[in-house]
């Protein structure tokens, strides 16, 4: 995988995780947590997507093809 693409995945994953943390403290998430015990679906998707992209980016950085 291209290093630039791996870095883009890593940065995109970090951005989604930041948005997930912000969404987890929102009023909607607090209301959802009060009634269901879980944060909103949007928050969960942001966390999951951010984690997946970050892992893909890290794997791409550490297992990139060497040009020999």
PDB file of N, CA and C in Angstrom:
ATOM      1  N   UNK A   1       0.848  -1.164   0.000  1.00  0.00           N
ATOM      2  CA  UNK A   1       0.000   0.000   0.000  1.00  0.00           C
ATOM      3  C   UNK A   1       0.899   1.234   0.000  1.00  0.00           C
ATOM      4  N   UNK A   2       0.473   2.238  -0.681  1.00  0.00           N
ATOM      5  CA  UNK A   2       1.215   3.481  -0.782  1.00  0.00           C
ATOM      6  C   UNK A   2       1.279   4.160   0.592  1.00  0.00           C
ATOM      7  N   UNK A   3       2.448   4.725   0.946  1.00  0.00           N
ATOM      8  CA  UNK A   3       2.611   5.376   2.249  1.00  0.00           C
ATOM      9  C   UNK A   3       1.663   6.572   2.396  1.00  0.00           C
ATOM     10  N   UNK A   4       1.496   7.335   1.321  1.00  0.00           N
ATOM     11  CA  UNK A   4       0.609   8.495   1.401  1.00  0.00           C
ATOM     12  C   UNK A   4      -0.834   8.064   1.677  1.00  0.00           C
ATOM     13  N   UNK A   5      -1.260   6.981   1.057  1.00  0.00           N
ATOM     14  CA  UNK A   5      -2.606   6.464   1.289  1.00  0.00           C
ATOM     15  C   UNK A   5      -2.751   5.970   2.731  1.00  0.00           C
ATOM     16  N   UNK A   6      -1.720   5.324   3.241  1.00  0.00           N
ATOM     17  CA  UNK A   6      -1.742   4.847   4.630  1.00  0.00           C
ATOM     18  C   UNK A   6      -1.841   6.010   5.597  1.00  0.00           C
ATOM     19  N   UNK A   7      -1.101   7.061   5.330  1.00  0.00           N
ATOM     20  CA  UNK A   7      -1.159   8.240   6.198  1.00  0.00           C
ATOM     21  C   UNK A   7      -2.530   8.892   6.110  1.00  0.00           C
ATOM     22  N   UNK A   8      -3.118   8.936   4.912  1.00  0.00           N
ATOM     23  CA  UNK A   8      -4.457   9.504   4.747  1.00  0.00           C
ATOM     24  C   UNK A   8      -5.486   8.692   5.533  1.00  0.00           C
ATOM     25  N   UNK A   9      -5.383   7.361   5.504  1.00  0.00           N
ATOM     26  CA  UNK A   9      -6.290   6.520   6.285  1.00  0.00           C
ATOM     27  C   UNK A   9      -6.110   6.786   7.777  1.00  0.00           C
ATOM     28  N   UNK A  10      -4.867   6.908   8.206  1.00  0.00           N
ATOM     29  CA  UNK A  10      -4.585   7.143   9.617  1.00  0.00           C
ATOM     30  C   UNK A  10      -5.149   8.490  10.072  1.00  0.00           C
ATOM     31  N   UNK A  11      -4.952   9.528   9.283  1.00  0.00           N
ATOM     32  CA  UNK A  11      -5.474  10.850   9.626  1.00  0.00           C
ATOM     33  C   UNK A  11      -6.999  10.852   9.587  1.00  0.00           C
ATOM     34  N   UNK A  12      -7.571  10.224   8.564  1.00  0.00           N
ATOM     35  CA  UNK A  12      -9.032  10.137   8.487  1.00  0.00           C
ATOM     36  C   UNK A  12      -9.616   9.393   9.681  1.00  0.00           C
ATOM     37  N   UNK A  13      -8.958   8.322  10.100  1.00  0.00           N
ATOM     38  CA  UNK A  13      -9.417   7.585  11.272  1.00  0.00           C
ATOM     39  C   UNK A  13      -9.344   8.420  12.534  1.00  0.00           C
ATOM     40  N   UNK A  14      -8.266   9.190  12.671  1.00  0.00           N
ATOM     41  CA  UNK A  14      -8.131  10.056  13.845  1.00  0.00           C
ATOM     42  C   UNK A  14      -9.221  11.127  13.855  1.00  0.00           C
ATOM     43  N   UNK A  15      -9.529  11.680  12.698  1.00  0.00           N
ATOM     44  CA  UNK A  15     -10.580  12.704  12.608  1.00  0.00           C
ATOM     45  C   UNK A  15     -11.937  12.112  12.993  1.00  0.00           C
ATOM     46  N   UNK A  16     -12.239  10.909  12.489  1.00  0.00           N
ATOM     47  CA  UNK A  16     -13.516  10.272  12.844  1.00  0.00           C
ATOM     48  C   UNK A  16     -13.591   9.968  14.340  1.00  0.00           C
ATOM     49  N   UNK A  17     -12.471   9.564  14.930  1.00  0.00           N
ATOM     50  CA  UNK A  17     -12.465   9.299  16.369  1.00  0.00           C
ATOM     51  C   UNK A  17     -12.706  10.579  17.168  1.00  0.00           C
ATOM     52  N   UNK A  18     -12.111  11.685  16.729  1.00  0.00           N
ATOM     53  CA  UNK A  18     -12.350  12.968  17.406  1.00  0.00           C
ATOM     54  C   UNK A  18     -13.821  13.349  17.312  1.00  0.00           C
ATOM     55  N   UNK A  19     -14.415  13.203  16.116  1.00  0.00           N
ATOM     56  CA  UNK A  19     -15.840  13.497  15.964  1.00  0.00           C
ATOM     57  C   UNK A  19     -16.683  12.560  16.835  1.00  0.00           C
ATOM     58  N   UNK A  20     -16.262  11.316  16.965  1.00  0.00           N
ATOM     59  CA  UNK A  20     -16.978  10.373  17.824  1.00  0.00           C
ATOM     60  C   UNK A  20     -16.935  10.781  19.283  1.00  0.00           C
ATOM     61  N   UNK A  21     -15.765  11.245  19.742  1.00  0.00           N
ATOM     62  CA  UNK A  21     -15.660  11.711  21.126  1.00  0.00           C
ATOM     63  C   UNK A  21     -16.530  12.946  21.355  1.00  0.00           C
ATOM     64  N   UNK A  22     -16.571  13.848  20.377  1.00  0.00           N
ATOM     65  CA  UNK A  22     -17.419  15.026  20.507  1.00  0.00           C
ATOM     66  C   UNK A  22     -18.893  14.639  20.510  1.00  0.00           C
ATOM     67  N   UNK A  23     -19.264  13.689  19.661  1.00  0.00           N
ATOM     68  CA  UNK A  23     -20.657  13.257  19.594  1.00  0.00           C
ATOM     69  C   UNK A  23     -21.079  12.522  20.859  1.00  0.00           C
ATOM     70  N   UNK A  24     -20.143  11.860  21.509  1.00  0.00           N
ATOM     71  CA  UNK A  24     -20.502  11.120  22.723  1.00  0.00           C
ATOM     72  C   UNK A  24     -20.859  12.057  23.875  1.00  0.00           C
ATOM     73  N   UNK A  25     -20.404  13.292  23.806  1.00  0.00           N
ATOM     74  CA  UNK A  25     -20.745  14.255  24.845  1.00  0.00           C
ATOM     75  C   UNK A  25     -21.911  15.149  24.484  1.00  0.00           C
ATOM     76  N   UNK A  26     -22.566  14.871  23.376  1.00  0.00           N
ATOM     77  CA  UNK A  26     -23.671  15.727  22.927  1.00  0.00           C
ATOM     78  C   UNK A  26     -24.945  15.450  23.723  1.00  0.00           C
ATOM     79  N   UNK A  27     -25.882  16.369  23.597  1.00  0.00           N
ATOM     80  CA  UNK A  27     -27.162  16.232  24.296  1.00  0.00           C
ATOM     81  C   UNK A  27     -27.925  14.997  23.821  1.00  0.00           C
ATOM     82  N   UNK A  28     -27.929  14.771  22.503  1.00  0.00           N
ATOM     83  CA  UNK A  28     -28.644  13.604  21.960  1.00  0.00           C
ATOM     84  C   UNK A  28     -28.080  12.306  22.513  1.00  0.00           C
ATOM     85  N   UNK A  29     -26.770  12.232  22.607  1.00  0.00           N
ATOM     86  CA  UNK A  29     -26.147  11.022  23.123  1.00  0.00           C
ATOM     87  C   UNK A  29     -26.474  10.837  24.606  1.00  0.00           C
ATOM     88  N   UNK A  30     -26.518  11.944  25.350  1.00  0.00           N
ATOM     89  CA  UNK A  30     -26.876  11.857  26.767  1.00  0.00           C
ATOM     90  C   UNK A  30     -28.311  11.364  26.956  1.00  0.00           C
ATOM     91  N   UNK A  31     -29.228  11.861  26.124  1.00  0.00           N
ATOM     92  CA  UNK A  31     -30.627  11.420  26.210  1.00  0.00           C
ATOM     93  C   UNK A  31     -30.737   9.943  25.845  1.00  0.00           C
ATOM     94  N   UNK A  32     -30.058   9.547  24.775  1.00  0.00           N
ATOM     95  CA  UNK A  32     -30.085   8.149  24.364  1.00  0.00           C
ATOM     96  C   UNK A  32     -29.497   7.252  25.450  1.00  0.00           C
ATOM     97  N   UNK A  33     -28.424   7.697  26.055  1.00  0.00           N
ATOM     98  CA  UNK A  33     -27.781   6.916  27.113  1.00  0.00           C
ATOM     99  C   UNK A  33     -28.687   6.812  28.333  1.00  0.00           C
ATOM    100  N   UNK A  34     -29.471   7.851  28.615  1.00  0.00           N
ATOM    101  CA  UNK A  34     -30.375   7.829  29.770  1.00  0.00           C
ATOM    102  C   UNK A  34     -31.488   6.796  29.584  1.00  0.00           C
ATOM    103  N   UNK A  35     -31.987   6.660  28.351  1.00  0.00           N
ATOM    104  CA  UNK A  35     -33.104   5.743  28.121  1.00  0.00           C
ATOM    105  C   UNK A  35     -32.673   4.336  27.745  1.00  0.00           C
ATOM    106  N   UNK A  36     -31.613   4.211  26.972  1.00  0.00           N
ATOM    107  CA  UNK A  36     -31.213   2.890  26.486  1.00  0.00           C
ATOM    108  C   UNK A  36     -29.935   2.358  27.120  1.00  0.00           C
ATOM    109  N   UNK A  37     -29.161   3.234  27.722  1.00  0.00           N
ATOM    110  CA  UNK A  37     -27.887   2.808  28.293  1.00  0.00           C
ATOM    111  C   UNK A  37     -26.753   2.833  27.286  1.00  0.00           C
ATOM    112  N   UNK A  38     -27.061   3.171  26.038  1.00  0.00           N
ATOM    113  CA  UNK A  38     -26.051   3.221  24.976  1.00  0.00           C
ATOM    114  C   UNK A  38     -26.057   4.590  24.317  1.00  0.00           C
ATOM    115  N   UNK A  39     -24.901   5.016  23.794  1.00  0.00           N
ATOM    116  CA  UNK A  39     -24.894   6.267  23.023  1.00  0.00           C
ATOM    117  C   UNK A  39     -25.616   6.076  21.690  1.00  0.00           C
ATOM    118  N   UNK A  40     -25.776   7.142  20.928  1.00  0.00           N
ATOM    119  CA  UNK A  40     -26.498   7.072  19.658  1.00  0.00           C
ATOM    120  C   UNK A  40     -25.757   6.205  18.646  1.00  0.00           C
ATOM    121  N   UNK A  41     -26.480   5.762  17.628  1.00  0.00           N
ATOM    122  CA  UNK A  41     -25.874   4.956  16.566  1.00  0.00           C
ATOM    123  C   UNK A  41     -24.807   5.742  15.819  1.00  0.00           C
ATOM    124  N   UNK A  42     -25.041   7.031  15.622  1.00  0.00           N
ATOM    125  CA  UNK A  42     -24.065   7.864  14.916  1.00  0.00           C
ATOM    126  C   UNK A  42     -22.729   7.850  15.656  1.00  0.00           C
ATOM    127  N   UNK A  43     -22.771   7.971  16.965  1.00  0.00           N
ATOM    128  CA  UNK A  43     -21.550   7.950  17.764  1.00  0.00           C
ATOM    129  C   UNK A  43     -20.826   6.621  17.607  1.00  0.00           C
ATOM    130  N   UNK A  44     -21.571   5.540  17.648  1.00  0.00           N
ATOM    131  CA  UNK A  44     -20.957   4.213  17.527  1.00  0.00           C
ATOM    132  C   UNK A  44     -20.333   4.024  16.146  1.00  0.00           C
ATOM    133  N   UNK A  45     -21.009   4.503  15.082  1.00  0.00           N
ATOM    134  CA  UNK A  45     -20.455   4.383  13.737  1.00  0.00           C
ATOM    135  C   UNK A  45     -19.198   5.228  13.580  1.00  0.00           C
ATOM    136  N   UNK A  46     -19.165   6.402  14.200  1.00  0.00           N
ATOM    137  CA  UNK A  46     -17.964   7.232  14.131  1.00  0.00           C
ATOM    138  C   UNK A  46     -16.788   6.542  14.820  1.00  0.00           C
ATOM    139  N   UNK A  47     -17.044   5.959  15.989  1.00  0.00           N
ATOM    140  CA  UNK A  47     -15.979   5.227  16.689  1.00  0.00           C
ATOM    141  C   UNK A  47     -15.502   4.021  15.872  1.00  0.00           C
ATOM    142  N   UNK A  48     -16.439   3.247  15.361  1.00  0.00           N
ATOM    143  CA  UNK A  48     -16.079   2.041  14.611  1.00  0.00           C
ATOM    144  C   UNK A  48     -15.333   2.396  13.327  1.00  0.00           C
ATOM    145  N   UNK A  49     -15.849   3.357  12.582  1.00  0.00           N
ATOM    146  CA  UNK A  49     -15.185   3.759  11.339  1.00  0.00           C
ATOM    147  C   UNK A  49     -13.812   4.345  11.581  1.00  0.00           C
ATOM    148  N   UNK A  50     -13.691   5.157  12.607  1.00  0.00           N
ATOM    149  CA  UNK A  50     -12.394   5.739  12.942  1.00  0.00           C
ATOM    150  C   UNK A  50     -11.382   4.688  13.345  1.00  0.00           C
ATOM    151  N   UNK A  51     -11.817   3.724  14.132  1.00  0.00           N
ATOM    152  CA  UNK A  51     -10.904   2.670  14.558  1.00  0.00           C
ATOM    153  C   UNK A  51     -10.452   1.813  13.377  1.00  0.00           C
ATOM    154  N   UNK A  52     -11.386   1.472  12.495  1.00  0.00           N
ATOM    155  CA  UNK A  52     -11.034   0.645  11.331  1.00  0.00           C
ATOM    156  C   UNK A  52     -10.057   1.379  10.421  1.00  0.00           C
ATOM    157  N   UNK A  53     -10.346   2.653  10.127  1.00  0.00           N
ATOM    158  CA  UNK A  53      -9.442   3.409   9.263  1.00  0.00           C
ATOM    159  C   UNK A  53      -8.065   3.580   9.897  1.00  0.00           C
ATOM    160  N   UNK A  54      -8.016   3.839  11.196  1.00  0.00           N
ATOM    161  CA  UNK A  54      -6.735   4.003  11.868  1.00  0.00           C
ATOM    162  C   UNK A  54      -5.923   2.710  11.825  1.00  0.00           C
ATOM    163  N   UNK A  55      -6.571   1.583  12.037  1.00  0.00           N
ATOM    164  CA  UNK A  55      -5.865   0.298  11.994  1.00  0.00           C
ATOM    165  C   UNK A  55      -5.358   0.004  10.583  1.00  0.00           C
ATOM    166  N   UNK A  56      -6.181   0.266   9.579  1.00  0.00           N
ATOM    167  CA  UNK A  56      -5.751   0.059   8.192  1.00  0.00           C
ATOM    168  C   UNK A  56      -4.552   0.947   7.878  1.00  0.00           C
ATOM    169  N   UNK A  57      -4.593   2.197   8.330  1.00  0.00           N
ATOM    170  CA  UNK A  57      -3.477   3.106   8.114  1.00  0.00           C
ATOM    171  C   UNK A  57      -2.206   2.640   8.791  1.00  0.00           C
ATOM    172  N   UNK A  58      -2.323   2.170  10.019  1.00  0.00           N
ATOM    173  CA  UNK A  58      -1.141   1.674  10.735  1.00  0.00           C
ATOM    174  C   UNK A  58      -0.571   0.422  10.088  1.00  0.00           C
ATOM    175  N   UNK A  59      -1.439  -0.474   9.683  1.00  0.00           N
ATOM    176  CA  UNK A  59      -0.972  -1.701   9.020  1.00  0.00           C
ATOM    177  C   UNK A  59      -0.271  -1.345   7.716  1.00  0.00           C
ATOM    178  N   UNK A  60      -0.839  -0.414   6.974  1.00  0.00           N
ATOM    179  CA  UNK A  60      -0.229   0.008   5.728  1.00  0.00           C
ATOM    180  C   UNK A  60       1.133   0.659   5.922  1.00  0.00           C
ATOM    181  N   UNK A  61       1.293   1.397   7.012  1.00  0.00           N
ATOM    182  CA  UNK A  61       2.581   2.047   7.274  1.00  0.00           C
ATOM    183  C   UNK A  61       3.666   1.032   7.656  1.00  0.00           C
ATOM    184  N   UNK A  62       3.284   0.053   8.443  1.00  0.00           N
ATOM    185  CA  UNK A  62       4.282  -0.888   8.962  1.00  0.00           C
ATOM    186  C   UNK A  62       4.527  -2.088   8.074  1.00  0.00           C
ATOM    187  N   UNK A  63       3.607  -2.376   7.161  1.00  0.00           N
ATOM    188  CA  UNK A  63       3.803  -3.543   6.299  1.00  0.00           C
ATOM    189  C   UNK A  63       3.874  -3.150   4.839  1.00  0.00           C
ATOM    190  N   UNK A  64       4.260  -1.923   4.578  1.00  0.00           N
ATOM    191  CA  UNK A  64       4.345  -1.462   3.203  1.00  0.00           C
ATOM    192  C   UNK A  64       5.381  -2.245   2.404  1.00  0.00           C
ATOM    193  N   UNK A  65       5.155  -2.337   1.113  1.00  0.00           N
ATOM    194  CA  UNK A  65       6.095  -3.044   0.239  1.00  0.00           C
ATOM    195  C   UNK A  65       7.396  -2.268   0.143  1.00  0.00           C
ATOM    196  N   UNK A  66       8.488  -2.986   0.183  1.00  0.00           N
ATOM    197  CA  UNK A  66       9.785  -2.335  -0.018  1.00  0.00           C
ATOM    198  C   UNK A  66      10.148  -2.408  -1.480  1.00  0.00           C
ATOM    199  N   UNK A  67      10.710  -1.359  -1.999  1.00  0.00           N
ATOM    200  CA  UNK A  67      11.085  -1.312  -3.411  1.00  0.00           C
ATOM    201  C   UNK A  67      12.537  -1.757  -3.537  1.00  0.00           C
ATOM    202  N   UNK A  68      12.709  -3.009  -3.907  1.00  0.00           N
ATOM    203  CA  UNK A  68      14.074  -3.540  -4.046  1.00  0.00           C
ATOM    204  C   UNK A  68      14.392  -3.842  -5.485  1.00  0.00           C
TER     205      UNK A  68
END
